[in-house]
Amino acid sequence: MRDTPAEVPAIFRSLPARLRVDRVAGYRGVFHFDIRESATPHWTVVIDDGACTVGESLEGEPTCTVTMTEETFLSVETGQQNATLAFVKGRIRVTNVGQMRKYDRAFYRFHDVPDDG
């Protein structure tokens, strides 16, 4: 992950490799992301019993929809901004807080993926 550029598409496409399989066994969630001001604003992330797929569009019925600007997304993903604080300040909007908390725990942070060796 250290060589992955801090760009919206690259960050979303890195999610399957960052999935913490032990935390999502038996869980299914569909997340729609609307990243405003991004050249690629719409993403669907599906977590399904230990697997993660990512699509560059809004697909299926979401269990949670997440909306934020590209600037907020990148600053949260790169560790420059705390996601909870951004949510409290209204910079991140979610339709289902419980599902978003499960999503948050399901992945290693983009900036904090452990080395393989």
C-alpha atoms as a PDB file:
ATOM      1  CA  MET A   1       0.000   0.000   0.000  1.00  0.00           C
ATOM      2  CA  ARG A   2       2.909   2.321   0.552  1.00  0.00           C
ATOM      3  CA  ASP A   3       3.342   2.694  -3.225  1.00  0.00           C
ATOM      4  CA  THR A   4      -0.371   3.335  -3.838  1.00  0.00           C
ATOM      5  CA  PRO A   5      -1.060   6.965  -4.776  1.00  0.00           C
ATOM      6  CA  ALA A   6      -3.348   8.930  -2.471  1.00  0.00           C
ATOM      7  CA  GLU A   7      -6.053   9.308  -5.106  1.00  0.00           C
ATOM      8  CA  VAL A   8      -9.728   8.369  -4.909  1.00  0.00           C
ATOM      9  CA  PRO A   9      -9.627   5.479  -7.446  1.00  0.00           C
ATOM     10  CA  ALA A  10      -6.404   4.007  -6.061  1.00  0.00           C
ATOM     11  CA  ILE A  11      -7.661   4.130  -2.482  1.00  0.00           C
ATOM     12  CA  PHE A  12     -10.951   2.414  -3.342  1.00  0.00           C
ATOM     13  CA  ARG A  13      -9.197  -0.228  -5.454  1.00  0.00           C
ATOM     14  CA  SER A  14      -6.858  -0.975  -2.535  1.00  0.00           C
ATOM     15  CA  LEU A  15      -9.759  -1.963  -0.242  1.00  0.00           C
ATOM     16  CA  PRO A  16      -9.825  -5.718  -1.060  1.00  0.00           C
ATOM     17  CA  ALA A  17      -6.145  -5.976  -0.068  1.00  0.00           C
ATOM     18  CA  ARG A  18      -6.805  -4.025   3.149  1.00  0.00           C
ATOM     19  CA  LEU A  19      -9.781  -6.132   4.292  1.00  0.00           C
ATOM     20  CA  ARG A  20      -9.439  -7.616   7.766  1.00  0.00           C
ATOM     21  CA  VAL A  21     -11.059 -10.946   6.966  1.00  0.00           C
ATOM     22  CA  ASP A  22     -11.231 -11.985  10.625  1.00  0.00           C
ATOM     23  CA  ARG A  23     -13.557  -9.042  11.343  1.00  0.00           C
ATOM     24  CA  VAL A  24     -16.137  -9.659   8.624  1.00  0.00           C
ATOM     25  CA  ALA A  25     -16.879 -13.389   8.759  1.00  0.00           C
ATOM     26  CA  GLY A  26     -20.631 -13.863   8.286  1.00  0.00           C
ATOM     27  CA  TYR A  27     -21.204 -10.156   7.561  1.00  0.00           C
ATOM     28  CA  ARG A  28     -22.652  -8.597   4.401  1.00  0.00           C
ATOM     29  CA  GLY A  29     -22.848  -4.889   3.689  1.00  0.00           C
ATOM     30  CA  VAL A  30     -23.255  -2.768   0.561  1.00  0.00           C
ATOM     31  CA  PHE A  31     -21.845   0.747   0.749  1.00  0.00           C
ATOM     32  CA  HIS A  32     -22.438   3.514  -1.758  1.00  0.00           C
ATOM     33  CA  PHE A  33     -19.940   6.366  -1.735  1.00  0.00           C
ATOM     34  CA  ASP A  34     -20.596   9.783  -3.263  1.00  0.00           C
ATOM     35  CA  ILE A  35     -17.255  11.592  -3.308  1.00  0.00           C
ATOM     36  CA  ARG A  36     -18.198  15.116  -4.365  1.00  0.00           C
ATOM     37  CA  GLU A  37     -15.757  17.155  -6.461  1.00  0.00           C
ATOM     38  CA  SER A  38     -13.990  13.965  -7.628  1.00  0.00           C
ATOM     39  CA  ALA A  39     -13.522  12.977 -11.269  1.00  0.00           C
ATOM     40  CA  THR A  40     -14.704   9.505 -10.173  1.00  0.00           C
ATOM     41  CA  PRO A  41     -17.399  10.303  -7.592  1.00  0.00           C
ATOM     42  CA  HIS A  42     -19.489   7.106  -7.352  1.00  0.00           C
ATOM     43  CA  TRP A  43     -18.248   3.865  -5.816  1.00  0.00           C
ATOM     44  CA  THR A  44     -19.841   0.711  -4.437  1.00  0.00           C
ATOM     45  CA  VAL A  45     -18.033  -1.405  -1.858  1.00  0.00           C
ATOM     46  CA  VAL A  46     -19.491  -4.822  -1.050  1.00  0.00           C
ATOM     47  CA  ILE A  47     -18.294  -6.814   1.945  1.00  0.00           C
ATOM     48  CA  ASP A  48     -19.627 -10.349   1.826  1.00  0.00           C
ATOM     49  CA  ASP A  49     -18.506 -13.000   4.319  1.00  0.00           C
ATOM     50  CA  GLY A  50     -14.783 -12.355   4.216  1.00  0.00           C
ATOM     51  CA  ALA A  51     -14.532 -10.927   0.702  1.00  0.00           C
ATOM     52  CA  CYS A  52     -14.568  -7.382  -0.664  1.00  0.00           C
ATOM     53  CA  THR A  53     -15.439  -6.136  -4.134  1.00  0.00           C
ATOM     54  CA  VAL A  54     -15.279  -2.558  -5.381  1.00  0.00           C
ATOM     55  CA  GLY A  55     -17.084  -1.010  -8.344  1.00  0.00           C
ATOM     56  CA  GLU A  56     -16.799   2.413  -9.932  1.00  0.00           C
ATOM     57  CA  SER A  57     -20.550   3.094  -9.922  1.00  0.00           C
ATOM     58  CA  LEU A  58     -23.523   2.807  -7.588  1.00  0.00           C
ATOM     59  CA  GLU A  59     -24.723  -0.797  -7.750  1.00  0.00           C
ATOM     60  CA  GLY A  60     -27.296  -2.713  -5.728  1.00  0.00           C
ATOM     61  CA  GLU A  61     -29.308  -1.676  -2.690  1.00  0.00           C
ATOM     62  CA  PRO A  62     -27.016   0.011  -0.141  1.00  0.00           C
ATOM     63  CA  THR A  63     -27.032  -0.782   3.548  1.00  0.00           C
ATOM     64  CA  CYS A  64     -25.291   2.601   3.972  1.00  0.00           C
ATOM     65  CA  THR A  65     -24.652   5.625   1.764  1.00  0.00           C
ATOM     66  CA  VAL A  66     -21.645   7.840   2.511  1.00  0.00           C
ATOM     67  CA  THR A  67     -21.226  11.377   1.163  1.00  0.00           C
ATOM     68  CA  MET A  68     -18.211  13.691   1.493  1.00  0.00           C
ATOM     69  CA  THR A  69     -15.925  15.861  -0.605  1.00  0.00           C
ATOM     70  CA  GLU A  70     -12.808  14.507  -2.256  1.00  0.00           C
ATOM     71  CA  GLU A  71     -10.700  16.668   0.064  1.00  0.00           C
ATOM     72  CA  THR A  72     -12.309  15.148   3.167  1.00  0.00           C
ATOM     73  CA  PHE A  73     -12.045  11.602   1.785  1.00  0.00           C
ATOM     74  CA  LEU A  74      -8.349  11.962   1.016  1.00  0.00           C
ATOM     75  CA  SER A  75      -7.524  13.634   4.328  1.00  0.00           C
ATOM     76  CA  VAL A  76      -9.315  10.905   6.312  1.00  0.00           C
ATOM     77  CA  GLU A  77      -7.788   8.062   4.298  1.00  0.00           C
ATOM     78  CA  THR A  78      -4.255   9.462   4.570  1.00  0.00           C
ATOM     79  CA  GLY A  79      -4.560  10.041   8.317  1.00  0.00           C
ATOM     80  CA  GLN A  80      -4.542  13.830   8.183  1.00  0.00           C
ATOM     81  CA  GLN A  81      -8.091  14.084   9.561  1.00  0.00           C
ATOM     82  CA  ASN A  82      -9.983  11.997  12.110  1.00  0.00           C
ATOM     83  CA  ALA A  83     -13.084  10.379  10.559  1.00  0.00           C
ATOM     84  CA  THR A  84     -15.176  10.703  13.716  1.00  0.00           C
ATOM     85  CA  LEU A  85     -14.384  14.396  14.048  1.00  0.00           C
ATOM     86  CA  ALA A  86     -15.161  14.949  10.353  1.00  0.00           C
ATOM     87  CA  PHE A  87     -18.514  13.188  10.855  1.00  0.00           C
ATOM     88  CA  VAL A  88     -19.351  15.275  13.947  1.00  0.00           C
ATOM     89  CA  LYS A  89     -18.495  18.463  12.034  1.00  0.00           C
ATOM     90  CA  GLY A  90     -20.829  17.424   9.198  1.00  0.00           C
ATOM     91  CA  ARG A  91     -18.067  16.840   6.649  1.00  0.00           C
ATOM     92  CA  ILE A  92     -19.090  13.193   6.294  1.00  0.00           C
ATOM     93  CA  ARG A  93     -22.737  12.172   5.983  1.00  0.00           C
ATOM     94  CA  VAL A  94     -23.859   8.565   6.424  1.00  0.00           C
ATOM     95  CA  THR A  95     -27.318   7.023   6.257  1.00  0.00           C
ATOM     96  CA  ASN A  96     -26.615   4.193   8.722  1.00  0.00           C
ATOM     97  CA  VAL A  97     -24.091   4.859  11.489  1.00  0.00           C
ATOM     98  CA  GLY A  98     -24.078   1.248  12.742  1.00  0.00           C
ATOM     99  CA  GLN A  99     -23.205  -0.097   9.292  1.00  0.00           C
ATOM    100  CA  MET A 100     -20.529   2.573   8.834  1.00  0.00           C
ATOM    101  CA  ARG A 101     -18.903   1.541  12.099  1.00  0.00           C
ATOM    102  CA  LYS A 102     -18.743  -2.065  10.837  1.00  0.00           C
ATOM    103  CA  TYR A 103     -17.188  -0.816   7.597  1.00  0.00           C
ATOM    104  CA  ASP A 104     -14.653   1.264   9.501  1.00  0.00           C
ATOM    105  CA  ARG A 105     -13.515  -1.743  11.543  1.00  0.00           C
ATOM    106  CA  ALA A 106     -13.369  -4.005   8.475  1.00  0.00           C
ATOM    107  CA  PHE A 107     -10.291  -2.430   6.870  1.00  0.00           C
ATOM    108  CA  TYR A 108      -6.737  -1.526   7.697  1.00  0.00           C
ATOM    109  CA  ARG A 109      -6.201   2.196   7.275  1.00  0.00           C
ATOM    110  CA  PHE A 110      -4.712   3.212   3.936  1.00  0.00           C
ATOM    111  CA  HIS A 111      -1.794   4.812   5.750  1.00  0.00           C
ATOM    112  CA  ASP A 112      -1.427   2.033   8.335  1.00  0.00           C
ATOM    113  CA  VAL A 113      -1.324  -1.308   6.518  1.00  0.00           C
ATOM    114  CA  PRO A 114       1.127  -3.685   8.225  1.00  0.00           C
ATOM    115  CA  ASP A 115       4.143  -4.862   6.261  1.00  0.00           C
ATOM    116  CA  ASP A 116       3.970  -8.461   5.038  1.00  0.00           C
ATOM    117  CA  GLY A 117       7.365  -9.427   6.324  1.00  0.00           C
END
